[in-house]
Amino acid sequence: MIKVSLISLGCAKNLVDSEIMVGHLHQAGMMVIPEAEKADVVIVNTCSFIDSSKEESIGHILELHQNKGMKKRRKEQKLIVAGCMAQRFSKDLSASLHDEVDAFIGLDQVTKVAPIIEALYAKERGRKHIPEDFVTARSTYIPDYDTPRFRLTPKHFAYIKIAEGCNHPCTFCIIPQIRGRHRSRTVASVVTEARQLVQEGVRELNLISQDTTFFGMDTWEQRPNARTPVDSSRGTALTTLLRQLNAIEGDFWIRLLYTHPAHWSDELIKTIAECPKVARYIDIPLQHISDHMLDRMQRETSGAYIRDLLTRIRAGVPGIAIRTTFIVGFPGETEADVDELCEFIRATKFERLGVFRYSQEDGTRAAKLEEQIPAKVKEARWHRTMALQQQIAAEVSRAHVGRTLKVLVEEPGVARGEADAPDIDGRVYVPPGLAVGEFAAVTISGFHDYDLLALPAGEKPTEWKVARQAQ
């Protein structure tokens, strides 16, 4: 029996691809093990969104190769590189890593991983020639509810990829070139998968795609002309999906991740407000607030639009937590742009916020723009914005003290609230006796930066208990 170990890098969307590969390996009768050094085949599912992710991916590949022949990796062990970096750079990597890597597979080959492995061994035995290139020019694949998949997340939460690809023209982003045009699953497919997951005990469904709010819009009929208004009642829409997911029996959260601001609507805001299982949390990457920067980034939004949208979201869904991300150091960014961004952050008081230093990615239009910002300036702007957000985060956390929250227990002593997505947001430290993988009610007794400290609901905090939790 062939033993396979898989290393999954990058985002949750990449993790779903890894889960699909593992599911197909199991289906083919191969054994998937966590220890790379004991495997016959090691698969590295790579990310190439920004330079640091590419460096991490290449680092893993070279480390595995360097261990070949040592105790950690046997000489006959096969190494396969999959994922976004393989999709984007397969030809270049094939030349530079010819001796290190046995095969590169693209995003459309995740369901073919088992026969590719079998072909590698067949080629070695001289019985069959293996094709030289497994990577298609443009990705078109999208999973369905019955796609073999083995979840790599804890039992109590799961990611559901509701669409793949992206149609946006953002000048800093390479994703549309890697993952192709936007293509949505059907509502029925997603609901069927969600129902299966809830029946398995999942307490949190995280809806993901490159552009979640564009879900279903690619199925709409084309407008006769540009002046004809869009009728959101036509075809599939995210609102339809959310209402059908909310109707599934059971106690669980539905979390919206990766929502592009350009496709929000009052109907979506109303739907979230009327669906109690949809978490009072949204992830909405804004990238900047300065019109100058939004125009250069080709974000299809303006500062006025963003401000109005956030006002409508908070008015329509009281108590909602908003997570966003910004980019600093984009080509041509001025101190005035950064001042406007900081003032916006200060005024809006985002519950959750991350900041990226701009990464000059080959193949993007922004990489060719003039007025590239020096690394030291990017770093200074990053520290300035993150220091400001740290102050705001403390204010947000302090406001929770004394409140009772519903949390999902991740592991003994650690939970997440409705305002905390897996892996990217804060934690709630709870008494160790609460059941892992289940919801619990707790009273917030204190905080530390982005994390909250809690006691069982109804129990009054004492100085001793708060001090003990903070240790």
Protein backbone atom coordinates (compact mmCIF):
# COMPACT_ATOMS: atom_id res chain seq x y z
CA MET A 1 0.00 0.00 0.00
CA ILE A 2 1.37 3.40 -1.01
CA LYS A 3 1.79 5.78 1.94
CA VAL A 4 1.21 9.47 1.19
CA SER A 5 1.84 12.55 3.33
CA LEU A 6 0.36 15.91 2.36
CA ILE A 7 1.57 19.35 3.46
CA SER A 8 -1.09 22.01 2.92
CA LEU A 9 0.03 25.64 2.75
CA GLY A 10 -1.88 28.88 2.27
CA CYS A 11 -5.53 29.80 2.69
CA ALA A 12 -8.71 27.89 3.51
CA LYS A 13 -9.51 27.60 -0.19
CA ASN A 14 -6.24 25.74 -0.66
CA LEU A 15 -7.10 23.56 2.35
CA VAL A 16 -10.31 22.41 0.65
CA ASP A 17 -8.22 21.40 -2.38
CA SER A 18 -5.99 19.40 0.00
CA GLU A 19 -9.05 17.73 1.53
CA ILE A 20 -10.24 16.73 -1.94
CA MET A 21 -6.85 15.20 -2.75
CA VAL A 22 -6.84 13.24 0.50
CA GLY A 23 -10.38 12.04 -0.20
CA HIS A 24 -9.34 10.70 -3.60
CA LEU A 25 -6.21 9.08 -2.15
CA HIS A 26 -8.37 7.22 0.39
CA GLN A 27 -10.78 6.22 -2.36
CA ALA A 28 -7.87 4.75 -4.34
CA GLY A 29 -6.80 2.65 -1.37
CA MET A 30 -3.71 4.67 -0.50
CA MET A 31 -2.76 5.37 3.11
CA VAL A 32 -2.46 9.03 4.13
CA ILE A 33 -0.12 9.61 7.08
CA PRO A 34 1.04 12.78 8.88
CA GLU A 35 4.76 11.91 9.01
CA ALA A 36 6.46 13.02 5.79
CA GLU A 37 9.60 11.04 6.62
CA LYS A 38 7.64 7.76 6.65
CA ALA A 39 5.75 8.36 3.39
CA ASP A 40 6.40 6.90 -0.04
CA VAL A 41 5.03 10.08 -1.59
CA VAL A 42 4.98 13.63 -0.19
CA ILE A 43 2.63 16.21 -1.72
CA VAL A 44 3.18 19.91 -1.04
CA ASN A 45 0.03 21.88 -1.84
CA THR A 46 1.51 25.31 -2.44
CA CYS A 47 0.41 28.94 -2.26
CA SER A 48 1.76 31.78 -4.41
CA PHE A 49 -0.48 34.71 -3.53
CA ILE A 50 2.42 36.92 -2.38
CA ASP A 51 6.22 36.62 -2.25
CA SER A 52 6.30 35.35 1.34
CA SER A 53 3.90 32.50 0.50
CA LYS A 54 6.00 31.53 -2.53
CA GLU A 55 9.13 31.54 -0.39
CA GLU A 56 7.40 29.35 2.20
CA SER A 57 6.34 26.88 -0.49
CA ILE A 58 9.78 26.68 -2.08
CA GLY A 59 11.34 26.36 1.37
CA HIS A 60 9.25 23.27 2.11
CA ILE A 61 10.13 21.73 -1.25
CA LEU A 62 13.88 22.28 -0.84
CA GLU A 63 13.84 21.09 2.76
CA LEU A 64 12.16 17.85 1.73
CA HIS A 65 14.68 17.36 -1.07
CA GLN A 66 17.66 18.06 1.18
CA ASN A 67 16.40 15.42 3.60
CA LYS A 68 16.31 12.82 0.85
CA GLY A 69 18.72 10.04 1.64
CA MET A 70 18.77 10.97 5.31
CA LYS A 71 16.64 9.50 8.05
CA LYS A 72 13.91 12.05 7.41
CA ARG A 73 13.38 11.16 3.75
CA ARG A 74 14.21 7.99 1.83
CA LYS A 75 15.95 8.20 -1.54
CA GLU A 76 13.10 6.45 -3.34
CA GLN A 77 10.48 8.81 -1.92
CA LYS A 78 8.46 10.76 -4.51
CA LEU A 79 7.83 14.50 -4.22
CA ILE A 80 4.80 16.12 -5.89
CA VAL A 81 4.15 19.87 -5.98
CA ALA A 82 0.51 20.88 -6.31
CA GLY A 83 -1.61 24.00 -5.87
CA CYS A 84 -1.37 27.63 -6.90
CA MET A 85 2.40 27.80 -7.32
CA ALA A 86 2.39 24.70 -9.53
CA GLN A 87 -0.48 26.18 -11.55
CA ARG A 88 1.33 29.49 -11.96
CA PHE A 89 4.97 28.48 -12.42
CA SER A 90 4.92 24.83 -13.54
CA LYS A 91 7.22 25.37 -16.53
CA ASP A 92 9.72 27.51 -14.65
CA LEU A 93 9.69 25.19 -11.66
CA SER A 94 10.09 22.11 -13.84
CA ALA A 95 13.34 23.58 -15.12
CA SER A 96 14.68 24.87 -11.81
CA LEU A 97 13.54 21.96 -9.62
CA HIS A 98 13.91 19.16 -12.16
CA ASP A 99 16.01 16.99 -9.85
CA GLU A 100 13.97 17.71 -6.72
CA VAL A 101 10.36 17.26 -7.88
CA ASP A 102 8.86 14.17 -9.52
CA ALA A 103 5.62 15.80 -10.73
CA PHE A 104 3.75 19.09 -10.78
CA ILE A 105 -0.05 19.03 -10.74
CA GLY A 106 -2.37 21.98 -11.26
CA LEU A 107 -5.64 23.02 -9.69
CA ASP A 108 -7.70 20.98 -12.15
CA GLN A 109 -5.80 17.79 -11.27
CA VAL A 110 -6.71 17.56 -7.57
CA THR A 111 -9.15 14.74 -8.34
CA LYS A 112 -6.53 12.91 -10.41
CA VAL A 113 -3.82 12.78 -7.77
CA ALA A 114 -4.07 9.01 -7.25
CA PRO A 115 -3.61 8.01 -10.92
CA ILE A 116 -0.77 10.53 -11.19
CA ILE A 117 1.00 8.79 -8.30
CA GLU A 118 0.34 5.40 -9.86
CA ALA A 119 1.74 6.70 -13.16
CA LEU A 120 4.94 7.80 -11.42
CA TYR A 121 5.53 4.29 -10.15
CA ALA A 122 4.55 2.78 -13.50
CA LYS A 123 7.08 4.98 -15.27
CA GLU A 124 9.75 3.90 -12.79
CA ARG A 125 8.97 0.28 -13.60
CA GLY A 126 9.13 1.10 -17.30
CA ARG A 127 5.58 -0.05 -18.03
CA LYS A 128 3.97 3.26 -18.90
CA HIS A 129 5.04 6.71 -19.98
CA ILE A 130 3.95 9.53 -17.70
CA PRO A 131 2.80 12.77 -19.35
CA GLU A 132 5.26 15.60 -18.84
CA ASP A 133 2.71 18.28 -17.98
CA PHE A 134 -0.24 17.84 -15.63
CA VAL A 135 -1.00 21.57 -15.45
CA THR A 136 -3.76 23.05 -17.60
CA ALA A 137 -3.42 26.59 -18.94
CA ARG A 138 -6.53 27.91 -17.18
CA SER A 139 -8.31 26.35 -14.24
CA THR A 140 -11.96 25.40 -14.75
CA TYR A 141 -12.57 22.80 -12.02
CA ILE A 142 -15.08 23.26 -9.20
CA PRO A 143 -16.06 20.66 -6.55
CA ASP A 144 -19.55 19.31 -5.97
CA TYR A 145 -21.36 17.96 -2.90
CA ASP A 146 -20.42 14.37 -3.74
CA THR A 147 -16.75 15.06 -4.51
CA PRO A 148 -14.65 12.64 -2.39
CA ARG A 149 -13.17 14.69 0.43
CA PHE A 150 -11.55 14.03 3.79
CA ARG A 151 -11.84 16.99 6.14
CA LEU A 152 -8.62 18.21 7.73
CA THR A 153 -10.37 20.64 10.08
CA PRO A 154 -11.59 19.66 13.56
CA LYS A 155 -14.92 17.83 13.63
CA HIS A 156 -16.89 20.89 14.73
CA PHE A 157 -16.18 23.25 11.82
CA ALA A 158 -15.76 22.99 8.07
CA TYR A 159 -15.11 25.09 5.02
CA ILE A 160 -17.50 24.97 2.06
CA LYS A 161 -16.13 26.29 -1.21
CA ILE A 162 -19.23 27.76 -2.87
CA ALA A 163 -17.46 29.12 -5.96
CA GLU A 164 -14.08 29.18 -7.62
CA GLY A 165 -12.18 31.80 -9.60
CA CYS A 166 -12.53 35.58 -9.79
CA ASN A 167 -13.60 38.16 -12.38
CA HIS A 168 -12.24 41.27 -10.68
CA PRO A 169 -9.51 43.39 -12.30
CA CYS A 170 -7.56 44.30 -9.12
CA THR A 171 -4.13 45.39 -10.31
CA PHE A 172 -2.25 43.85 -7.37
CA CYS A 173 -3.75 40.35 -7.61
CA ILE A 174 -2.65 37.30 -9.60
CA ILE A 175 -5.51 35.02 -8.47
CA PRO A 176 -7.72 35.37 -11.60
CA GLN A 177 -4.78 34.24 -13.72
CA ILE A 178 -4.21 31.23 -11.48
CA ARG A 179 -7.75 30.10 -10.63
CA GLY A 180 -9.61 31.30 -13.70
CA ARG A 181 -12.96 33.01 -14.16
CA HIS A 182 -15.61 32.98 -11.43
CA ARG A 183 -17.83 29.90 -11.50
CA SER A 184 -20.49 29.18 -8.89
CA ARG A 185 -21.82 25.92 -7.62
CA THR A 186 -25.59 25.48 -7.54
CA VAL A 187 -27.54 26.32 -4.42
CA ALA A 188 -28.75 22.70 -4.27
CA SER A 189 -25.17 21.39 -4.33
CA VAL A 190 -24.01 23.65 -1.49
CA VAL A 191 -27.12 22.98 0.63
CA THR A 192 -26.73 19.22 0.18
CA GLU A 193 -23.12 19.40 1.33
CA ALA A 194 -24.03 21.65 4.26
CA ARG A 195 -26.81 19.31 5.38
CA GLN A 196 -24.38 16.38 5.33
CA LEU A 197 -21.85 18.31 7.41
CA VAL A 198 -24.42 19.36 10.01
CA GLN A 199 -25.56 15.74 10.30
CA GLU A 200 -21.93 14.81 10.98
CA GLY A 201 -21.83 17.21 13.93
CA VAL A 202 -20.37 20.34 12.34
CA ARG A 203 -21.25 23.45 14.33
CA GLU A 204 -19.83 26.06 12.00
CA LEU A 205 -20.06 26.29 8.20
CA ASN A 206 -17.52 28.72 6.75
CA LEU A 207 -18.55 29.77 3.24
CA ILE A 208 -15.51 30.56 1.11
CA SER A 209 -14.54 31.50 -2.44
CA GLN A 210 -12.40 34.19 -4.04
CA ASP A 211 -15.50 36.42 -4.15
CA THR A 212 -18.32 35.10 -2.00
CA THR A 213 -20.75 37.95 -2.68
CA PHE A 214 -20.57 37.25 -6.43
CA PHE A 215 -22.01 33.79 -5.83
CA GLY A 216 -24.59 32.93 -8.49
CA MET A 217 -24.23 36.17 -10.42
CA ASP A 218 -22.28 34.40 -13.14
CA THR A 219 -25.47 32.41 -13.86
CA TRP A 220 -27.62 35.47 -14.48
CA GLU A 221 -28.78 36.34 -17.98
CA GLN A 222 -26.81 39.05 -19.70
CA ARG A 223 -28.38 42.49 -19.57
CA PRO A 224 -29.64 43.74 -22.97
CA ASN A 225 -27.55 46.87 -22.58
CA ALA A 226 -25.50 48.64 -19.96
CA ARG A 227 -28.39 50.93 -18.97
CA THR A 228 -30.68 48.06 -18.03
CA PRO A 229 -30.61 47.69 -14.22
CA VAL A 230 -29.59 44.40 -12.67
CA ASP A 231 -32.55 42.41 -11.33
CA SER A 232 -31.22 40.52 -8.31
CA SER A 233 -34.25 38.23 -8.36
CA ARG A 234 -32.99 36.54 -11.52
CA GLY A 235 -30.95 33.39 -11.18
CA THR A 236 -29.02 32.27 -8.14
CA ALA A 237 -27.85 34.67 -5.45
CA LEU A 238 -26.05 34.51 -2.12
CA THR A 239 -29.26 35.59 -0.38
CA THR A 240 -31.08 32.52 -1.71
CA LEU A 241 -28.28 30.28 -0.50
CA LEU A 242 -28.16 31.84 2.98
CA ARG A 243 -31.91 31.48 3.51
CA GLN A 244 -31.84 27.81 2.48
CA LEU A 245 -28.83 27.09 4.69
CA ASN A 246 -30.53 28.86 7.59
CA ALA A 247 -33.52 26.53 7.15
CA ILE A 248 -31.43 23.40 7.80
CA GLU A 249 -32.31 21.90 11.17
CA GLY A 250 -29.67 22.04 13.87
CA ASP A 251 -27.64 24.42 16.02
CA PHE A 252 -24.80 25.85 13.95
CA TRP A 253 -23.24 29.03 12.64
CA ILE A 254 -22.95 30.09 9.00
CA ARG A 255 -19.96 32.36 8.50
CA LEU A 256 -19.36 34.57 5.45
CA LEU A 257 -15.74 34.96 4.40
CA TYR A 258 -14.12 36.79 1.46
CA THR A 259 -17.01 39.10 0.55
CA HIS A 260 -16.08 41.71 -2.05
CA PRO A 261 -17.62 45.12 -1.19
CA ALA A 262 -18.73 45.81 -4.78
CA HIS A 263 -21.47 43.14 -4.68
CA TRP A 264 -23.13 43.90 -1.36
CA SER A 265 -26.81 44.87 -1.47
CA ASP A 266 -29.55 45.92 0.91
CA GLU A 267 -31.17 42.53 0.28
CA LEU A 268 -28.04 40.76 1.51
CA ILE A 269 -27.96 42.92 4.64
CA LYS A 270 -31.65 42.17 5.25
CA THR A 271 -31.07 38.44 4.72
CA ILE A 272 -28.27 38.31 7.30
CA ALA A 273 -30.43 40.18 9.79
CA GLU A 274 -33.35 37.77 9.25
CA CYS A 275 -31.27 34.55 9.40
CA PRO A 276 -30.30 33.85 13.02
CA LYS A 277 -27.85 31.09 12.08
CA VAL A 278 -25.76 33.47 9.98
CA ALA A 279 -23.00 34.70 12.27
CA ARG A 280 -23.03 38.39 13.13
CA TYR A 281 -19.67 38.65 11.44
CA ILE A 282 -18.52 39.50 7.95
CA ASP A 283 -15.15 39.42 6.26
CA ILE A 284 -15.02 42.25 3.71
CA PRO A 285 -11.52 43.09 2.36
CA LEU A 286 -11.56 46.80 1.54
CA GLN A 287 -7.82 47.23 0.73
CA HIS A 288 -7.91 51.06 1.08
CA ILE A 289 -10.20 54.03 1.55
CA SER A 290 -8.42 56.71 -0.48
CA ASP A 291 -10.05 57.21 -3.89
CA HIS A 292 -6.56 57.72 -5.30
CA MET A 293 -5.52 54.26 -4.13
CA LEU A 294 -8.81 52.51 -4.90
CA ASP A 295 -8.58 53.81 -8.46
CA ARG A 296 -4.98 52.62 -8.92
CA MET A 297 -5.91 49.25 -7.43
CA GLN A 298 -9.01 49.08 -9.71
CA ARG A 299 -11.17 48.01 -6.78
CA GLU A 300 -14.47 49.05 -8.45
CA THR A 301 -15.46 50.95 -5.32
CA SER A 302 -14.96 54.45 -3.95
CA GLY A 303 -14.34 55.83 -0.50
CA ALA A 304 -17.87 57.27 -0.35
CA TYR A 305 -19.38 53.94 -1.42
CA ILE A 306 -17.43 52.04 1.25
CA ARG A 307 -18.39 54.45 4.04
CA ASP A 308 -22.06 54.30 3.05
CA LEU A 309 -22.01 50.50 2.79
CA LEU A 310 -20.51 50.04 6.27
CA THR A 311 -23.08 52.44 7.70
CA ARG A 312 -25.90 50.42 6.12
CA ILE A 313 -24.45 47.08 7.28
CA ARG A 314 -24.13 48.20 10.89
CA ALA A 315 -27.58 49.79 10.87
CA GLY A 316 -29.17 46.75 9.27
CA VAL A 317 -27.45 44.13 11.44
CA PRO A 318 -26.96 45.57 14.95
CA GLY A 319 -23.99 44.11 16.79
CA ILE A 320 -22.28 42.76 13.68
CA ALA A 321 -18.50 42.38 13.81
CA ILE A 322 -16.71 43.56 10.69
CA ARG A 323 -13.33 42.16 9.66
CA THR A 324 -11.36 43.84 6.89
CA THR A 325 -7.90 43.99 5.40
CA PHE A 326 -5.91 46.88 3.96
CA ILE A 327 -2.80 47.17 1.83
CA VAL A 328 -0.16 49.79 2.60
CA GLY A 329 2.78 50.71 0.42
CA PHE A 330 0.94 50.27 -2.88
CA PRO A 331 2.70 52.07 -5.78
CA GLY A 332 2.01 55.78 -5.66
CA GLU A 333 0.59 55.77 -2.12
CA THR A 334 1.22 59.13 -0.48
CA GLU A 335 1.40 60.20 3.14
CA ALA A 336 -1.97 61.88 2.59
CA ASP A 337 -3.41 58.52 1.51
CA VAL A 338 -2.08 56.89 4.67
CA ASP A 339 -3.40 59.73 6.82
CA GLU A 340 -6.86 59.23 5.30
CA LEU A 341 -6.65 55.49 5.90
CA CYS A 342 -5.66 55.93 9.54
CA GLU A 343 -8.44 58.44 10.14
CA PHE A 344 -10.90 56.00 8.55
CA ILE A 345 -9.67 53.15 10.77
CA ARG A 346 -9.90 55.40 13.82
CA ALA A 347 -13.44 56.53 12.99
CA THR A 348 -14.84 53.17 11.90
CA LYS A 349 -13.35 51.07 14.74
CA PHE A 350 -13.30 47.74 12.94
CA GLU A 351 -13.76 44.82 15.29
CA ARG A 352 -11.18 42.81 13.35
CA LEU A 353 -8.54 44.21 11.00
CA GLY A 354 -5.38 43.06 9.23
CA VAL A 355 -2.87 45.00 7.16
CA PHE A 356 -0.65 43.70 4.36
CA ARG A 357 2.53 45.29 3.08
CA TYR A 358 2.17 45.56 -0.71
CA SER A 359 3.96 42.75 -2.54
CA GLN A 360 5.16 43.42 -6.09
CA GLU A 361 3.94 40.31 -7.89
CA ASP A 362 5.21 39.38 -11.34
CA GLY A 363 2.40 39.17 -13.87
CA THR A 364 0.22 41.82 -12.22
CA ARG A 365 -0.35 45.28 -13.62
CA ALA A 366 0.64 46.90 -10.34
CA ALA A 367 4.10 45.37 -10.60
CA LYS A 368 4.73 47.56 -13.65
CA LEU A 369 3.43 50.77 -12.09
CA GLU A 370 5.80 53.62 -11.42
CA GLU A 371 6.32 55.05 -7.92
CA GLN A 372 7.04 51.74 -6.22
CA ILE A 373 7.36 52.31 -2.47
CA PRO A 374 10.64 51.44 -0.66
CA ALA A 375 10.49 48.51 1.77
CA LYS A 376 11.36 50.71 4.76
CA VAL A 377 8.44 53.02 4.00
CA LYS A 378 6.06 50.07 3.66
CA GLU A 379 7.24 48.74 7.00
CA ALA A 380 6.76 52.09 8.74
CA ARG A 381 3.23 52.43 7.35
CA TRP A 382 2.40 48.88 8.40
CA HIS A 383 3.54 49.55 11.97
CA ARG A 384 1.60 52.82 12.06
CA THR A 385 -1.70 51.23 10.99
CA MET A 386 -1.33 48.11 13.12
CA ALA A 387 -0.43 50.14 16.23
CA LEU A 388 -3.60 52.15 15.71
CA GLN A 389 -5.69 48.99 15.31
CA GLN A 390 -4.17 47.47 18.45
CA GLN A 391 -5.53 50.41 20.44
CA ILE A 392 -8.95 50.00 18.85
CA ALA A 393 -8.90 46.23 19.45
CA ALA A 394 -8.34 46.88 23.15
CA GLU A 395 -11.38 49.18 23.19
CA VAL A 396 -13.46 46.54 21.40
CA SER A 397 -12.34 43.82 23.82
CA ARG A 398 -12.93 46.01 26.88
CA ALA A 399 -16.53 46.61 25.73
CA HIS A 400 -17.19 42.85 26.00
CA VAL A 401 -16.33 42.60 29.69
CA GLY A 402 -19.43 41.67 31.66
CA ARG A 403 -21.32 40.39 28.61
CA THR A 404 -22.52 36.84 28.11
CA LEU A 405 -21.41 35.31 24.82
CA LYS A 406 -22.16 32.12 22.94
CA VAL A 407 -18.83 30.48 22.10
CA LEU A 408 -17.71 27.40 20.19
CA VAL A 409 -15.16 25.42 22.21
CA GLU A 410 -12.10 24.62 20.06
CA GLU A 411 -10.00 22.70 22.57
CA PRO A 412 -9.83 22.40 26.36
CA GLY A 413 -9.74 25.94 27.72
CA VAL A 414 -9.97 27.67 24.32
CA ALA A 415 -13.04 28.82 22.38
CA ARG A 416 -14.12 31.25 19.67
CA GLY A 417 -16.95 33.73 19.72
CA GLU A 418 -19.28 34.64 16.89
CA ALA A 419 -16.88 37.46 15.98
CA ASP A 420 -13.91 35.13 15.55
CA ALA A 421 -13.25 33.12 12.39
CA PRO A 422 -10.97 30.07 12.60
CA ASP A 423 -7.22 30.73 12.54
CA ILE A 424 -7.39 34.46 11.74
CA ASP A 425 -9.15 36.11 14.68
CA GLY A 426 -8.90 36.13 18.46
CA ARG A 427 -9.65 33.51 21.08
CA VAL A 428 -11.82 33.27 24.15
CA TYR A 429 -10.08 31.53 27.05
CA VAL A 430 -12.68 29.52 28.95
CA PRO A 431 -12.74 27.05 31.87
CA PRO A 432 -11.16 23.73 30.76
CA GLY A 433 -14.21 21.61 31.58
CA LEU A 434 -16.38 22.81 28.68
CA ALA A 435 -17.12 20.21 25.99
CA VAL A 436 -14.87 20.53 22.93
CA GLY A 437 -16.74 20.99 19.67
CA GLU A 438 -19.91 22.28 21.30
CA PHE A 439 -21.43 25.67 22.02
CA ALA A 440 -21.32 27.13 25.51
CA ALA A 441 -22.49 30.32 27.21
CA VAL A 442 -19.77 32.25 29.02
CA THR A 443 -19.41 35.60 30.75
CA ILE A 444 -16.46 37.74 29.71
CA SER A 445 -14.36 38.62 32.74
CA GLY A 446 -11.34 40.28 31.13
CA PHE A 447 -9.21 40.59 28.01
CA HIS A 448 -5.64 40.56 26.76
CA ASP A 449 -5.06 42.41 23.48
CA TYR A 450 -7.22 40.59 20.89
CA ASP A 451 -8.25 37.73 23.20
CA LEU A 452 -11.01 37.51 25.80
CA LEU A 453 -11.07 35.78 29.19
CA ALA A 454 -14.29 34.11 30.28
CA LEU A 455 -16.08 32.27 33.08
CA PRO A 456 -19.16 30.05 32.96
CA ALA A 457 -22.28 32.14 32.30
CA GLY A 458 -23.72 33.59 35.48
CA GLU A 459 -20.56 33.15 37.55
CA LYS A 460 -19.23 36.42 38.94
CA PRO A 461 -15.53 37.04 38.37
CA THR A 462 -13.14 37.49 41.24
CA GLU A 463 -9.69 39.01 41.15
CA TRP A 464 -8.18 35.57 41.78
CA LYS A 465 -10.06 33.89 38.91
CA VAL A 466 -9.29 36.68 36.43
CA ALA A 467 -5.62 36.63 37.40
CA ARG A 468 -5.50 32.85 37.05
CA GLN A 469 -7.10 32.97 33.58
CA ALA A 470 -4.62 35.59 32.45
CA GLN A 471 -1.63 33.36 33.28
